[in-house]
Structure formats: structure tokens, C-alpha cells
């Protein structure tokens, strides 16, 4: 993915398929990269990884009506 890109997984894709960021220092561009030309990379090129951030936002339905106390009373 290009820097500042967003990938959204939801529904069956999120629930049924494994996903994650592999801990490696570089990637080799293959012909499966759809936007390679727009990203300025070519097949076979080695691309060094920089810092990556993964942010997860989940909807969790309320399961209790009891008040939740956090911190000191």
C-alpha cells in the first residue's frame, strides 16, 4: 500500500480471513501489485519498509446495563 493509504476490512472479509502486517524489513514487488505504476514501482523491485501503523475501530454492542466504574471511587 502507498503511504497514507487506508484499507478497510469488514463483514465476511474481516471475520473469515486472516489479516495482519508481517514483520519484515522489505517487500519485493510482484505482478499482483495493482497500483504499482501509480506508486512508481516495478515488478522485481525491492521496497524498504518504514514505520507502519495499524488502527482498529470496532463496534461492540452494549451487553450489560450495569454502570461501569473506571478509576478511583
Foldseek 3Di string as FASTA:
>chain_A
DAPPDDDDDDDCRVPPDDDDDDPDFWDADAPVPPCQVVNVHDHRDIGGDDDDDDDDDDDDDDDDPDDDDDDDD
